[in-house]
Amino acid sequence: MKKHLWILTATAFLFACGGENETNESEGLTEEDLTCESADVDESVENEVDGTLENGDFIPENSDGLWQIDDYAEMMMGQKIFASADAMNNNGDGVEHYYQTLDLKGGYAAVTGAYEGWSEFVLWRMADGNDLLGTMSAGCGPACDYDFKFYIMKDGEKVGEGNNLIPRMEVEDYGASLMPKILEKYEGIEYQEDYQFFYNFPQKGTSMEVDIIVGADEVRIPIMMLSWDKKKFSVKEKYTELNERMG
């Protein structure tokens, strides 16, 4: 497993609709934001032409013209996503995907299929009318490896890079500073030199917690909370206590 000192690399991540008008951090959603509807980004999606994301010939059904999380998820997957495992065709024509979670009001989707791993998608509405779309793909076997990407989107087209809206250098530097303390507390980690960062896509609210995962998915510890102001993320809190995330 490679050391990941970045947030956004390449493979196929929840979506929270931004809302600062009614400042309830635990809910984080306004009436406007609740109109947003909320899965593993296929490797074939990564072609970019004239600022748009290409996904073959697949165009999601979008009758009202408002891009919601299910529209973005299907666009990124390049095909229809079924409502459940039982709803899949299972006709052997190719890899199929279904929603483990689809929260249209929360702007979050988690997708998997008959394979190891899964994908998550999340969307934040931006002050300028664009969408910040986060994607995550997890490939597992036996340990899991996570890839995160962020895009600024408008009507299904990429209009900017979302990576620079995340304070990645601050995340990476703080995570690296905690490593000696982590290795001292959690002895016996097999691959001590390997660590990566996991961005917990919010299903409620707009803030995003960041974890550091050490070794072959052996120890996972929350290290900070990021807050969203409809323009970018900032570090809201850095955690000094090492409390392993369980489950």
Protein backbone atom coordinates (compact mmCIF):
# COMPACT_ATOMS: atom_id res chain seq x y z
CA MET A 1 0.00 0.00 0.00
CA LYS A 2 1.37 3.38 -0.94
CA LYS A 3 1.80 6.32 1.39
CA HIS A 4 -0.90 8.86 0.55
CA LEU A 5 0.04 12.41 1.41
CA TRP A 6 -2.67 13.86 -0.76
CA ILE A 7 -6.39 14.08 -0.75
CA LEU A 8 -7.31 13.72 -4.35
CA THR A 9 -5.73 11.09 -6.54
CA ALA A 10 -7.07 8.86 -9.15
CA THR A 11 -9.82 6.24 -8.87
CA ALA A 12 -13.31 6.73 -7.92
CA PHE A 13 -16.47 9.90 -2.15
CA LEU A 14 -20.96 11.89 0.14
CA PHE A 15 -22.48 15.07 -0.53
CA ALA A 16 -23.79 17.63 1.82
CA CYS A 17 -25.88 20.54 0.60
CA GLY A 18 -24.34 23.72 1.94
CA GLY A 19 -26.43 25.85 4.18
CA GLU A 20 -25.33 28.82 6.22
CA ASN A 21 -28.64 30.71 6.26
CA GLU A 22 -29.99 28.74 9.20
CA THR A 23 -26.96 28.00 11.30
CA ASN A 24 -27.75 24.68 12.89
CA GLU A 25 -24.46 22.87 12.56
CA SER A 26 -25.96 19.50 13.45
CA GLU A 27 -28.42 19.74 10.57
CA GLY A 28 -26.72 22.32 8.33
CA LEU A 29 -29.50 22.39 5.72
CA THR A 30 -31.77 25.22 4.62
CA GLU A 31 -34.99 25.01 2.62
CA GLU A 32 -32.99 25.93 -0.47
CA ASP A 33 -30.41 23.27 0.20
CA LEU A 34 -33.04 20.58 0.76
CA THR A 35 -33.88 20.78 -2.94
CA CYS A 36 -30.60 19.08 -3.70
CA GLU A 37 -30.79 15.34 -4.21
CA SER A 38 -28.17 13.17 -3.37
CA ALA A 39 -21.37 6.42 -5.71
CA ASP A 40 -17.37 4.55 -6.97
CA VAL A 41 -16.05 6.43 -9.84
CA ASP A 42 -15.19 4.23 -12.76
CA GLU A 43 -11.62 4.57 -14.03
CA SER A 44 -13.01 5.36 -17.48
CA VAL A 45 -14.53 8.57 -16.14
CA GLU A 46 -11.23 10.35 -15.76
CA ASN A 47 -11.01 11.66 -19.34
CA GLU A 48 -11.39 15.42 -19.44
CA VAL A 49 -12.30 17.29 -22.61
CA ASP A 50 -12.77 21.07 -22.71
CA GLY A 51 -13.37 21.20 -18.98
CA THR A 52 -16.05 18.51 -18.93
CA LEU A 53 -15.93 15.01 -17.48
CA GLU A 54 -16.45 12.35 -20.10
CA ASN A 55 -18.23 9.12 -19.21
CA GLY A 56 -18.83 7.47 -22.53
CA ASP A 57 -22.29 7.91 -24.03
CA PHE A 58 -24.28 7.71 -20.80
CA ILE A 59 -26.47 10.70 -19.96
CA PRO A 60 -28.37 10.54 -16.65
CA GLU A 61 -32.12 11.09 -16.73
CA ASN A 62 -32.63 14.64 -15.51
CA SER A 63 -36.14 15.82 -16.26
CA ASP A 64 -36.09 19.06 -14.24
CA GLY A 65 -32.60 20.22 -15.23
CA LEU A 66 -31.45 20.53 -11.61
CA TRP A 67 -28.44 18.32 -10.98
CA GLN A 68 -28.81 16.29 -7.81
CA ILE A 69 -26.56 13.72 -6.18
CA ASP A 70 -28.11 10.77 -8.02
CA ASP A 71 -27.54 12.52 -11.35
CA TYR A 72 -23.91 13.17 -10.49
CA ALA A 73 -23.41 9.62 -9.22
CA GLU A 74 -24.74 8.08 -12.41
CA MET A 75 -22.71 10.47 -14.54
CA MET A 76 -19.51 9.56 -12.68
CA MET A 77 -20.28 5.84 -12.80
CA GLY A 78 -21.14 6.09 -16.48
CA GLN A 79 -24.31 4.04 -16.17
CA LYS A 80 -27.62 3.64 -14.38
CA ILE A 81 -27.37 2.81 -10.67
CA PHE A 82 -30.02 0.42 -9.40
CA ALA A 83 -32.10 1.12 -6.30
CA SER A 84 -31.02 -2.11 -4.59
CA ALA A 85 -29.09 -5.33 -5.17
CA ASP A 86 -32.37 -7.15 -5.87
CA ALA A 87 -33.24 -4.66 -8.61
CA MET A 88 -30.09 -5.33 -10.66
CA ASN A 89 -30.42 -7.14 -13.97
CA ASN A 90 -27.66 -9.66 -13.20
CA ASN A 91 -27.65 -10.65 -16.87
CA GLY A 92 -23.89 -10.86 -17.25
CA ASP A 93 -23.65 -7.85 -19.57
CA GLY A 94 -21.13 -6.08 -17.34
CA VAL A 95 -20.52 -4.70 -13.88
CA GLU A 96 -23.66 -3.30 -12.30
CA HIS A 97 -23.98 -0.94 -9.35
CA TYR A 98 -26.64 -0.28 -6.74
CA TYR A 99 -27.18 2.25 -3.97
CA GLN A 100 -26.25 1.21 -0.47
CA THR A 101 -27.43 4.66 0.59
CA LEU A 102 -29.17 7.37 -1.41
CA ASP A 103 -30.05 10.48 0.59
CA LEU A 104 -31.41 13.04 -1.84
CA LYS A 105 -32.10 15.71 0.79
CA GLY A 106 -28.73 15.19 2.43
CA GLY A 107 -26.95 15.12 -0.91
CA TYR A 108 -25.14 11.86 -0.24
CA ALA A 109 -24.85 8.56 -2.07
CA ALA A 110 -22.93 5.33 -1.44
CA VAL A 111 -22.68 2.80 -4.25
CA THR A 112 -21.39 -0.75 -4.59
CA GLY A 113 -21.96 -3.91 -6.63
CA ALA A 114 -20.82 -7.50 -6.97
CA TYR A 115 -17.19 -6.58 -6.37
CA GLU A 116 -14.82 -5.65 -3.55
CA GLY A 117 -15.05 -2.00 -2.59
CA TRP A 118 -17.55 0.81 -2.91
CA SER A 119 -17.89 4.49 -3.84
CA GLU A 120 -19.33 7.56 -2.15
CA PHE A 121 -20.52 10.88 -3.54
CA VAL A 122 -21.42 14.13 -1.82
CA LEU A 123 -22.44 17.57 -2.98
CA TRP A 124 -22.18 21.02 -1.48
CA ARG A 125 -24.03 23.94 -3.04
CA MET A 126 -21.76 26.94 -3.51
CA ALA A 127 -22.47 30.64 -3.02
CA ASP A 128 -21.83 31.36 -6.72
CA GLY A 129 -24.42 28.83 -7.91
CA ASN A 130 -21.94 26.07 -8.72
CA ASP A 131 -21.72 22.68 -7.01
CA LEU A 132 -18.74 21.19 -5.22
CA LEU A 133 -18.85 17.47 -5.89
CA GLY A 134 -16.79 15.07 -3.79
CA THR A 135 -16.12 11.51 -4.92
CA MET A 136 -14.45 8.62 -3.15
CA SER A 137 -13.66 5.11 -4.36
CA ALA A 138 -12.51 2.33 -2.08
CA GLY A 139 -10.69 -0.65 -3.51
CA CYS A 140 -10.28 -3.52 -1.08
CA GLY A 141 -8.46 -6.83 -1.01
CA PRO A 142 -7.39 -7.49 1.64
CA ALA A 143 -6.72 -3.92 2.92
CA CYS A 144 -8.62 -0.96 1.52
CA ASP A 145 -7.17 1.94 -0.42
CA TYR A 146 -9.17 5.16 -0.78
CA ASP A 147 -9.10 7.78 -3.54
CA PHE A 148 -10.75 11.17 -3.18
CA LYS A 149 -11.47 13.78 -5.82
CA PHE A 150 -13.31 17.09 -5.74
CA TYR A 151 -14.80 18.92 -8.72
CA ILE A 152 -16.52 22.26 -9.20
CA MET A 153 -19.55 21.46 -11.34
CA LYS A 154 -22.25 23.37 -13.19
CA ASP A 155 -25.14 21.61 -14.92
CA GLY A 156 -23.20 18.37 -15.20
CA GLU A 157 -20.00 19.92 -16.51
CA LYS A 158 -16.70 20.49 -14.75
CA VAL A 159 -16.00 24.21 -14.50
CA GLY A 160 -13.10 24.20 -12.03
CA GLU A 161 -10.85 22.20 -9.75
CA GLY A 162 -12.24 21.47 -6.32
CA ASN A 163 -8.93 20.28 -4.86
CA ASN A 164 -7.84 23.77 -3.96
CA LEU A 165 -10.96 24.27 -1.83
CA ILE A 166 -9.61 21.72 0.66
CA PRO A 167 -6.74 22.73 3.02
CA ARG A 168 -4.78 19.61 2.13
CA MET A 169 -1.33 20.85 3.12
CA GLU A 170 -2.57 21.67 6.61
CA VAL A 171 -4.23 18.25 6.81
CA GLU A 172 -1.12 16.45 5.61
CA ASP A 173 1.30 18.39 7.82
CA TYR A 174 -0.81 17.84 10.92
CA GLY A 175 -1.29 14.16 10.14
CA ALA A 176 2.45 13.69 9.67
CA SER A 177 3.14 15.44 12.99
CA LEU A 178 0.89 12.92 14.79
CA MET A 179 2.58 9.83 13.38
CA PRO A 180 5.27 9.43 16.10
CA LYS A 181 2.58 9.64 18.80
CA ILE A 182 0.36 7.18 16.94
CA LEU A 183 3.12 4.63 16.46
CA GLU A 184 4.05 4.91 20.11
CA LYS A 185 0.48 4.31 21.27
CA TYR A 186 -0.45 1.58 18.79
CA GLU A 187 2.40 -0.87 18.81
CA GLY A 188 2.67 -3.72 16.36
CA ILE A 189 1.33 -1.95 13.25
CA GLU A 190 2.62 -4.05 10.38
CA TYR A 191 3.18 -1.34 7.78
CA GLN A 192 4.18 1.60 9.94
CA GLU A 193 5.43 3.71 7.03
CA ASP A 194 2.06 3.63 5.25
CA TYR A 195 -0.71 6.08 6.00
CA GLN A 196 -3.48 7.81 4.13
CA PHE A 197 -6.22 10.35 4.83
CA PHE A 198 -9.94 9.66 4.80
CA TYR A 199 -12.50 12.43 4.32
CA ASN A 200 -15.78 11.48 5.96
CA PHE A 201 -18.43 12.82 3.60
CA PRO A 202 -21.25 14.36 5.63
CA GLN A 203 -24.79 13.13 5.22
CA LYS A 204 -26.09 15.75 7.65
CA GLY A 205 -24.64 19.20 7.99
CA THR A 206 -21.80 20.59 5.90
CA SER A 207 -18.68 20.04 8.03
CA MET A 208 -16.31 17.20 7.15
CA GLU A 209 -14.20 15.18 9.58
CA VAL A 210 -10.81 13.88 8.46
CA ASP A 211 -9.21 10.62 9.64
CA ILE A 212 -5.70 9.26 9.29
CA ILE A 213 -5.47 5.55 8.48
CA VAL A 214 -2.18 3.90 9.43
CA GLY A 215 -0.77 0.61 8.20
CA ALA A 216 -2.82 -1.87 6.18
CA ASP A 217 -6.10 -0.33 7.36
CA GLU A 218 -5.08 -1.28 10.91
CA VAL A 219 -5.65 1.95 12.84
CA ARG A 220 -8.03 4.78 11.93
CA ILE A 221 -8.02 7.97 14.00
CA PRO A 222 -10.02 11.22 13.53
CA ILE A 223 -7.57 14.14 13.45
CA MET A 224 -9.54 17.27 12.55
CA MET A 225 -12.83 18.86 11.55
CA LEU A 226 -13.20 21.01 8.44
CA SER A 227 -15.92 23.65 8.15
CA TRP A 228 -17.61 24.81 4.94
CA ASP A 229 -18.58 28.44 4.19
CA LYS A 230 -20.10 27.83 0.73
CA LYS A 231 -16.81 28.87 -0.88
CA LYS A 232 -14.10 26.66 0.63
CA PHE A 233 -13.20 24.43 3.56
CA SER A 234 -11.18 25.65 6.55
CA VAL A 235 -9.77 23.86 9.58
CA LYS A 236 -12.30 24.28 12.37
CA GLU A 237 -10.61 22.08 14.98
CA LYS A 238 -7.50 19.92 15.32
CA TYR A 239 -7.79 16.95 17.64
CA THR A 240 -4.97 16.37 20.10
CA GLU A 241 -6.33 13.16 21.64
CA LEU A 242 -5.87 9.90 19.75
CA ASN A 243 -9.24 8.18 19.78
CA GLU A 244 -9.45 5.26 17.39
CA ARG A 245 -12.54 5.11 15.20
CA MET A 246 -14.23 1.78 15.71
CA GLY A 247 -16.46 -0.12 13.34
